[in-house]
C-alpha cells in the first residue's frame, strides 16, 4: 500500500484522492510521502525496534518449555487402597531405599504391602 501511495502521487493525484482511494487517512498518506522523500525506498520499510524487548534468550525459553513438559520428581499417585503416595526418583539420605521401590507415604506411613488387604 505504501508503494501504491507513491505511485499514485507520481501520477499526479493529490493527498485527499489517494487517501480516499486506499481507504486511509490523509495524515497517513502525508507521513509515507514525507518518509519516501526523505529516505527513498528504504523509508517505506517498517522501522526496527518496535515492541517490548525479550527478557530471556531463545535458549532459556526452549529450556523452560522442555522442563514444563517433563514429569516432576516426587509426583503423586493414588494407590488401589485409596491412599496417596509420592514416588521419589532420586533416593538419598532419609529417603526410601530401592527395597521399597522408591515409594514413601505422604502421611509418613510405610507403603502398603500387596499381600495384606485393607
Protein backbone atom coordinates (compact mmCIF):
# COMPACT_ATOMS: atom_id res chain seq x y z
CA UNK A 1 0.00 0.00 0.00
CA UNK A 2 2.91 2.36 0.73
CA UNK A 3 4.42 1.91 -2.72
CA UNK A 4 0.93 2.39 -4.21
CA UNK A 5 0.74 5.78 -2.42
CA UNK A 6 3.99 6.85 -4.06
CA UNK A 7 2.86 5.62 -7.48
CA UNK A 8 -0.45 7.49 -7.20
CA UNK A 9 1.35 10.64 -6.08
CA UNK A 10 3.71 10.45 -9.08
CA UNK A 11 0.66 10.03 -11.32
CA UNK A 12 -0.49 13.45 -10.17
CA UNK A 13 -3.17 12.53 -7.63
CA UNK A 14 -3.44 14.76 -4.54
CA UNK A 15 -3.30 13.51 -0.96
CA UNK A 16 -7.12 13.55 -0.37
CA UNK A 17 -7.73 11.47 -3.52
CA UNK A 18 -5.01 8.94 -2.58
CA UNK A 19 -6.38 8.60 0.98
CA UNK A 20 -9.91 8.10 -0.34
CA UNK A 21 -8.80 5.53 -2.94
CA UNK A 22 -6.74 3.49 -0.46
CA UNK A 23 -9.12 3.84 2.50
CA UNK A 24 -6.71 5.50 4.91
CA UNK A 25 -6.29 8.95 6.43
CA UNK A 26 -4.68 11.91 4.69
CA UNK A 27 -2.22 12.11 7.60
CA UNK A 28 -1.06 8.54 6.84
CA UNK A 29 -0.54 9.35 3.16
CA UNK A 30 1.43 12.50 4.02
CA UNK A 31 3.57 10.60 6.55
CA UNK A 32 4.60 7.97 3.96
CA UNK A 33 5.17 10.52 1.19
CA UNK A 34 7.45 12.53 3.50
CA UNK A 35 9.37 9.41 4.58
CA UNK A 36 9.83 8.39 0.94
CA UNK A 37 11.05 11.88 0.01
CA UNK A 38 13.46 11.85 2.94
CA UNK A 39 14.82 8.26 2.69
CA UNK A 40 13.79 6.80 -0.68
CA UNK A 41 12.67 3.17 -0.93
CA UNK A 42 14.22 2.14 2.42
CA UNK A 43 11.96 4.76 4.04
CA UNK A 44 8.91 2.65 3.14
CA UNK A 45 10.07 -0.29 5.27
CA UNK A 46 8.99 -0.82 8.87
CA UNK A 47 11.30 0.67 11.46
CA UNK A 48 13.04 -1.87 13.68
CA UNK A 49 12.88 -1.93 17.44
CA UNK A 50 9.12 -1.89 17.76
CA UNK A 51 7.57 -3.65 20.74
CA UNK A 52 8.89 -4.89 24.05
CA UNK A 53 12.33 -6.49 24.10
CA UNK A 54 12.64 -10.13 25.18
CA UNK A 55 13.70 -10.68 28.76
CA UNK A 56 15.10 -14.20 28.17
CA UNK A 57 17.15 -15.71 25.37
CA UNK A 58 15.75 -18.25 22.92
CA UNK A 59 17.90 -20.94 24.58
CA UNK A 60 16.42 -20.15 28.01
CA UNK A 61 12.91 -20.19 26.53
CA UNK A 62 13.49 -23.63 24.97
CA UNK A 63 14.81 -24.98 28.29
CA UNK A 64 11.78 -23.71 30.20
CA UNK A 65 9.41 -25.30 27.68
CA UNK A 66 11.20 -28.65 27.92
CA UNK A 67 11.09 -28.52 31.74
CA UNK A 68 7.36 -27.83 31.71
CA UNK A 69 6.78 -30.90 29.51
CA UNK A 70 8.66 -33.29 31.85
CA UNK A 71 7.14 -35.17 34.80
CA UNK A 72 8.36 -33.58 38.05
CA UNK A 73 10.22 -35.67 40.64
CA UNK A 74 8.12 -36.69 43.66
CA UNK A 75 4.93 -36.91 41.63
CA UNK A 76 1.84 -38.14 43.50
CA UNK A 77 -0.22 -41.21 42.62
CA UNK A 78 -3.33 -42.86 44.07
CA UNK A 79 -2.88 -46.44 45.24
CA UNK A 80 -5.70 -49.02 44.82
CA UNK A 81 -6.42 -48.79 48.57
CA UNK A 82 -7.27 -45.07 48.18
CA UNK A 83 -4.13 -43.62 49.73
CA UNK A 84 -1.88 -41.01 48.16
CA UNK A 85 1.78 -41.98 47.55
CA UNK A 86 4.75 -39.99 46.33
CA UNK A 87 7.38 -41.56 44.08
CA UNK A 88 10.86 -40.24 44.56
CA UNK A 89 13.20 -40.95 41.64
CA UNK A 90 16.35 -39.97 43.49
CA UNK A 91 16.90 -41.96 46.73
CA UNK A 92 19.28 -40.30 49.13
CA UNK A 93 19.82 -39.78 52.86
CA UNK A 94 16.48 -40.07 54.65
CA UNK A 95 14.69 -41.27 51.53
CA UNK A 96 13.19 -44.72 50.87
CA UNK A 97 15.55 -47.38 49.59
CA UNK A 98 15.30 -49.47 46.46
CA UNK A 99 13.73 -52.23 48.60
CA UNK A 100 10.52 -50.17 48.92
CA UNK A 101 10.58 -49.30 45.22
CA UNK A 102 11.37 -45.69 45.99
CA UNK A 103 7.89 -45.25 47.45
CA UNK A 104 7.07 -43.30 50.57
CA UNK A 105 3.77 -42.44 52.17
CA UNK A 106 2.62 -38.85 52.15
CA UNK A 107 1.37 -39.34 55.71
CA UNK A 108 4.73 -40.77 56.78
CA UNK A 109 3.50 -44.37 56.97
CA UNK A 110 5.20 -47.29 55.31
CA UNK A 111 3.99 -48.25 51.81
CA UNK A 112 1.14 -50.79 51.82
CA UNK A 113 2.04 -54.41 51.43
CA UNK A 114 0.44 -56.10 48.43
CA UNK A 115 -0.25 -59.27 50.48
CA UNK A 116 -2.25 -57.52 53.18
CA UNK A 117 -5.78 -56.47 52.07
CA UNK A 118 -7.32 -53.45 53.76
